[in-house]
Structures are given as structure tokens and as C-alpha cells.
Amino acid sequence: MRTLHVGLRVQDLDHSLEFYSHLGYDVVGAVPATELGSLTMLFLAASTGQSSPR
């Protein structure tokens, strides 16, 4: 199975990024904050040795 996109809303972005980094996610991009909020993109390698999509 392949997951293409998942969106989550969080209250504490710094705390959430720390949590997901411990799970193996890497930040690959961000969109500046607007009145609607901000967007941070994460990537989780599916297997050892897979590079990020940058």
C-alpha cells in the first residue's frame, strides 16, 4: 500500500515536528504563515536508503 498525502492540523507545531522527527520524518518544505495558518511538508522514507523527494 502507498500513502500519497495526509494532512494534519496541530496546535503546537514545534512539539509535533519533534515527535515526527523521532519517528523518522524529515521536513522537506514549508509555506509561510497566512491568516489561514501555515503548511509544513514532511517525508518518511519507505525503506532504508531511500532519499527525500527534494
PDB file of N, CA and C in Angstrom:
ATOM      1  N   MET A   1       0.845  -1.165   0.000  1.00  0.00           N
ATOM      2  CA  MET A   1       0.000   0.000   0.000  1.00  0.00           C
ATOM      3  C   MET A   1       0.895   1.233   0.000  1.00  0.00           C
ATOM      4  N   ARG A   2       0.449   2.281  -0.655  1.00  0.00           N
ATOM      5  CA  ARG A   2       1.218   3.514  -0.738  1.00  0.00           C
ATOM      6  C   ARG A   2       0.353   4.689  -0.321  1.00  0.00           C
ATOM      7  N   THR A   3       0.876   5.507   0.590  1.00  0.00           N
ATOM      8  CA  THR A   3       0.168   6.710   1.021  1.00  0.00           C
ATOM      9  C   THR A   3       0.716   7.883   0.229  1.00  0.00           C
ATOM     10  N   LEU A   4      -0.161   8.608  -0.444  1.00  0.00           N
ATOM     11  CA  LEU A   4       0.279   9.727  -1.269  1.00  0.00           C
ATOM     12  C   LEU A   4       0.264  11.049  -0.508  1.00  0.00           C
ATOM     13  N   HIS A   5      -0.743  11.244   0.356  1.00  0.00           N
ATOM     14  CA  HIS A   5      -0.851  12.534   1.040  1.00  0.00           C
ATOM     15  C   HIS A   5      -1.716  12.374   2.283  1.00  0.00           C
ATOM     16  N   VAL A   6      -1.261  12.951   3.380  1.00  0.00           N
ATOM     17  CA  VAL A   6      -2.037  13.009   4.615  1.00  0.00           C
ATOM     18  C   VAL A   6      -1.886  14.416   5.169  1.00  0.00           C
ATOM     19  N   GLY A   7      -2.971  15.014   5.595  1.00  0.00           N
ATOM     20  CA  GLY A   7      -2.919  16.340   6.192  1.00  0.00           C
ATOM     21  C   GLY A   7      -3.370  16.288   7.646  1.00  0.00           C
ATOM     22  N   LEU A   8      -2.635  16.956   8.519  1.00  0.00           N
ATOM     23  CA  LEU A   8      -2.968  17.014   9.938  1.00  0.00           C
ATOM     24  C   LEU A   8      -2.922  18.458  10.415  1.00  0.00           C
ATOM     25  N   ARG A   9      -3.847  18.808  11.294  1.00  0.00           N
ATOM     26  CA  ARG A   9      -3.797  20.114  11.959  1.00  0.00           C
ATOM     27  C   ARG A   9      -3.285  19.881  13.370  1.00  0.00           C
ATOM     28  N   VAL A  10      -2.347  20.705  13.802  1.00  0.00           N
ATOM     29  CA  VAL A  10      -1.776  20.550  15.140  1.00  0.00           C
ATOM     30  C   VAL A  10      -1.794  21.876  15.868  1.00  0.00           C
ATOM     31  N   GLN A  11      -1.828  21.826  17.198  1.00  0.00           N
ATOM     32  CA  GLN A  11      -1.809  23.051  17.999  1.00  0.00           C
ATOM     33  C   GLN A  11      -0.398  23.557  18.221  1.00  0.00           C
ATOM     34  N   ASP A  12       0.551  22.656  18.431  1.00  0.00           N
ATOM     35  CA  ASP A  12       1.926  23.040  18.752  1.00  0.00           C
ATOM     36  C   ASP A  12       2.847  22.465  17.676  1.00  0.00           C
ATOM     37  N   LEU A  13       3.183  23.266  16.679  1.00  0.00           N
ATOM     38  CA  LEU A  13       3.976  22.793  15.539  1.00  0.00           C
ATOM     39  C   LEU A  13       5.351  22.307  15.973  1.00  0.00           C
ATOM     40  N   ASP A  14       6.036  23.036  16.833  1.00  0.00           N
ATOM     41  CA  ASP A  14       7.377  22.621  17.266  1.00  0.00           C
ATOM     42  C   ASP A  14       7.347  21.265  17.963  1.00  0.00           C
ATOM     43  N   HIS A  15       6.377  21.068  18.826  1.00  0.00           N
ATOM     44  CA  HIS A  15       6.243  19.791  19.537  1.00  0.00           C
ATOM     45  C   HIS A  15       5.926  18.663  18.540  1.00  0.00           C
ATOM     46  N   SER A  16       5.048  18.920  17.595  1.00  0.00           N
ATOM     47  CA  SER A  16       4.680  17.915  16.592  1.00  0.00           C
ATOM     48  C   SER A  16       5.858  17.559  15.693  1.00  0.00           C
ATOM     49  N   LEU A  17       6.636  18.565  15.278  1.00  0.00           N
ATOM     50  CA  LEU A  17       7.804  18.289  14.436  1.00  0.00           C
ATOM     51  C   LEU A  17       8.837  17.467  15.189  1.00  0.00           C
ATOM     52  N   GLU A  18       9.014  17.740  16.478  1.00  0.00           N
ATOM     53  CA  GLU A  18       9.942  16.942  17.284  1.00  0.00           C
ATOM     54  C   GLU A  18       9.469  15.488  17.362  1.00  0.00           C
ATOM     55  N   PHE A  19       8.170  15.292  17.578  1.00  0.00           N
ATOM     56  CA  PHE A  19       7.597  13.946  17.648  1.00  0.00           C
ATOM     57  C   PHE A  19       7.810  13.194  16.341  1.00  0.00           C
ATOM     58  N   TYR A  20       7.442  13.807  15.214  1.00  0.00           N
ATOM     59  CA  TYR A  20       7.557  13.122  13.925  1.00  0.00           C
ATOM     60  C   TYR A  20       9.014  12.912  13.497  1.00  0.00           C
ATOM     61  N   SER A  21       9.918  13.782  13.928  1.00  0.00           N
ATOM     62  CA  SER A  21      11.329  13.564  13.609  1.00  0.00           C
ATOM     63  C   SER A  21      11.852  12.318  14.315  1.00  0.00           C
ATOM     64  N   HIS A  22      11.348  12.039  15.516  1.00  0.00           N
ATOM     65  CA  HIS A  22      11.736  10.817  16.233  1.00  0.00           C
ATOM     66  C   HIS A  22      11.201   9.573  15.537  1.00  0.00           C
ATOM     67  N   LEU A  23      10.144   9.713  14.766  1.00  0.00           N
ATOM     68  CA  LEU A  23       9.579   8.583  14.011  1.00  0.00           C
ATOM     69  C   LEU A  23      10.267   8.387  12.661  1.00  0.00           C
ATOM     70  N   GLY A  24      11.156   9.311  12.294  1.00  0.00           N
ATOM     71  CA  GLY A  24      11.895   9.172  11.048  1.00  0.00           C
ATOM     72  C   GLY A  24      11.485  10.123   9.937  1.00  0.00           C
ATOM     73  N   TYR A  25      10.566  11.044  10.214  1.00  0.00           N
ATOM     74  CA  TYR A  25      10.151  12.022   9.212  1.00  0.00           C
ATOM     75  C   TYR A  25      11.188  13.131   9.103  1.00  0.00           C
ATOM     76  N   ASP A  26      11.340  13.689   7.912  1.00  0.00           N
ATOM     77  CA  ASP A  26      12.208  14.839   7.671  1.00  0.00           C
ATOM     78  C   ASP A  26      11.376  15.975   7.096  1.00  0.00           C
ATOM     79  N   VAL A  27      11.651  17.214   7.516  1.00  0.00           N
ATOM     80  CA  VAL A  27      10.991  18.384   6.935  1.00  0.00           C
ATOM     81  C   VAL A  27      11.600  18.617   5.559  1.00  0.00           C
ATOM     82  N   VAL A  28      10.762  18.691   4.539  1.00  0.00           N
ATOM     83  CA  VAL A  28      11.253  18.918   3.175  1.00  0.00           C
ATOM     84  C   VAL A  28      10.777  20.245   2.598  1.00  0.00           C
ATOM     85  N   GLY A  29       9.935  20.966   3.324  1.00  0.00           N
ATOM     86  CA  GLY A  29       9.488  22.254   2.830  1.00  0.00           C
ATOM     87  C   GLY A  29       8.489  22.896   3.769  1.00  0.00           C
ATOM     88  N   ALA A  30       8.254  24.183   3.568  1.00  0.00           N
ATOM     89  CA  ALA A  30       7.287  24.916   4.371  1.00  0.00           C
ATOM     90  C   ALA A  30       6.745  26.085   3.568  1.00  0.00           C
ATOM     91  N   VAL A  31       5.496  26.437   3.854  1.00  0.00           N
ATOM     92  CA  VAL A  31       4.848  27.593   3.238  1.00  0.00           C
ATOM     93  C   VAL A  31       4.658  28.620   4.353  1.00  0.00           C
ATOM     94  N   PRO A  32       5.021  29.880   4.118  1.00  0.00           N
ATOM     95  CA  PRO A  32       4.893  30.899   5.172  1.00  0.00           C
ATOM     96  C   PRO A  32       3.465  30.998   5.710  1.00  0.00           C
ATOM     97  N   ALA A  33       3.366  31.404   6.971  1.00  0.00           N
ATOM     98  CA  ALA A  33       2.072  31.534   7.634  1.00  0.00           C
ATOM     99  C   ALA A  33       1.229  32.630   6.997  1.00  0.00           C
ATOM    100  N   THR A  34      -0.074  32.379   6.918  1.00  0.00           N
ATOM    101  CA  THR A  34      -1.064  33.358   6.464  1.00  0.00           C
ATOM    102  C   THR A  34      -2.155  33.423   7.522  1.00  0.00           C
ATOM    103  N   GLU A  35      -3.223  34.162   7.257  1.00  0.00           N
ATOM    104  CA  GLU A  35      -4.326  34.213   8.211  1.00  0.00           C
ATOM    105  C   GLU A  35      -5.016  32.850   8.342  1.00  0.00           C
ATOM    106  N   LEU A  36      -4.805  31.952   7.374  1.00  0.00           N
ATOM    107  CA  LEU A  36      -5.392  30.613   7.422  1.00  0.00           C
ATOM    108  C   LEU A  36      -4.501  29.608   8.142  1.00  0.00           C
ATOM    109  N   GLY A  37      -3.253  29.957   8.399  1.00  0.00           N
ATOM    110  CA  GLY A  37      -2.321  29.056   9.069  1.00  0.00           C
ATOM    111  C   GLY A  37      -1.055  28.894   8.248  1.00  0.00           C
ATOM    112  N   SER A  38      -0.314  27.829   8.535  1.00  0.00           N
ATOM    113  CA  SER A  38       0.925  27.560   7.813  1.00  0.00           C
ATOM    114  C   SER A  38       0.918  26.110   7.340  1.00  0.00           C
ATOM    115  N   LEU A  39       1.875  25.777   6.507  1.00  0.00           N
ATOM    116  CA  LEU A  39       1.970  24.431   5.958  1.00  0.00           C
ATOM    117  C   LEU A  39       3.421  23.979   6.048  1.00  0.00           C
ATOM    118  N   THR A  40       3.640  22.824   6.651  1.00  0.00           N
ATOM    119  CA  THR A  40       4.969  22.221   6.724  1.00  0.00           C
ATOM    120  C   THR A  40       4.874  20.844   6.107  1.00  0.00           C
ATOM    121  N   MET A  41       5.768  20.534   5.162  1.00  0.00           N
ATOM    122  CA  MET A  41       5.732  19.256   4.466  1.00  0.00           C
ATOM    123  C   MET A  41       6.800  18.328   5.018  1.00  0.00           C
ATOM    124  N   LEU A  42       6.396  17.092   5.321  1.00  0.00           N
ATOM    125  CA  LEU A  42       7.301  16.091   5.873  1.00  0.00           C
ATOM    126  C   LEU A  42       7.395  14.910   4.916  1.00  0.00           C
ATOM    127  N   PHE A  43       8.480  14.165   5.012  1.00  0.00           N
ATOM    128  CA  PHE A  43       8.701  12.988   4.173  1.00  0.00           C
ATOM    129  C   PHE A  43       9.176  11.847   5.052  1.00  0.00           C
ATOM    130  N   LEU A  44       8.597  10.670   4.867  1.00  0.00           N
ATOM    131  CA  LEU A  44       9.032   9.465   5.578  1.00  0.00           C
ATOM    132  C   LEU A  44       9.514   8.469   4.540  1.00  0.00           C
ATOM    133  N   ALA A  45      10.791   8.135   4.606  1.00  0.00           N
ATOM    134  CA  ALA A  45      11.349   7.161   3.675  1.00  0.00           C
ATOM    135  C   ALA A  45      10.678   5.807   3.897  1.00  0.00           C
ATOM    136  N   ALA A  46      10.281   5.158   2.812  1.00  0.00           N
ATOM    137  CA  ALA A  46       9.597   3.875   2.895  1.00  0.00           C
ATOM    138  C   ALA A  46      10.548   2.745   3.246  1.00  0.00           C
ATOM    139  N   SER A  47      11.811   2.893   2.883  1.00  0.00           N
ATOM    140  CA  SER A  47      12.785   1.835   3.178  1.00  0.00           C
ATOM    141  C   SER A  47      14.158   2.462   3.371  1.00  0.00           C
ATOM    142  N   THR A  48      15.060   1.709   3.928  1.00  0.00           N
ATOM    143  CA  THR A  48      16.411   2.184   4.169  1.00  0.00           C
ATOM    144  C   THR A  48      17.083   2.579   2.846  1.00  0.00           C
ATOM    145  N   GLY A  49      17.720   3.733   2.860  1.00  0.00           N
ATOM    146  CA  GLY A  49      18.438   4.171   1.673  1.00  0.00           C
ATOM    147  C   GLY A  49      17.622   5.005   0.700  1.00  0.00           C
ATOM    148  N   GLN A  50      16.326   5.124   0.902  1.00  0.00           N
ATOM    149  CA  GLN A  50      15.508   5.941   0.010  1.00  0.00           C
ATOM    150  C   GLN A  50      15.731   7.403   0.342  1.00  0.00           C
ATOM    151  N   SER A  51      15.984   8.213  -0.658  1.00  0.00           N
ATOM    152  CA  SER A  51      16.256   9.632  -0.425  1.00  0.00           C
ATOM    153  C   SER A  51      14.972  10.431  -0.411  1.00  0.00           C
ATOM    154  N   SER A  52      15.043  11.630   0.168  1.00  0.00           N
ATOM    155  CA  SER A  52      13.881  12.504   0.211  1.00  0.00           C
ATOM    156  C   SER A  52      13.566  13.004  -1.185  1.00  0.00           C
ATOM    157  N   PRO A  53      12.314  13.459  -1.426  1.00  0.00           N
ATOM    158  CA  PRO A  53      11.875  13.830  -2.767  1.00  0.00           C
ATOM    159  C   PRO A  53      12.352  15.195  -3.237  1.00  0.00           C
ATOM    160  N   ARG A  54      13.276  15.828  -2.559  1.00  0.00           N
ATOM    161  CA  ARG A  54      13.749  17.161  -2.957  1.00  0.00           C
ATOM    162  C   ARG A  54      14.459  17.137  -4.268  1.00  0.00           C
TER     163      ARG A  54
END
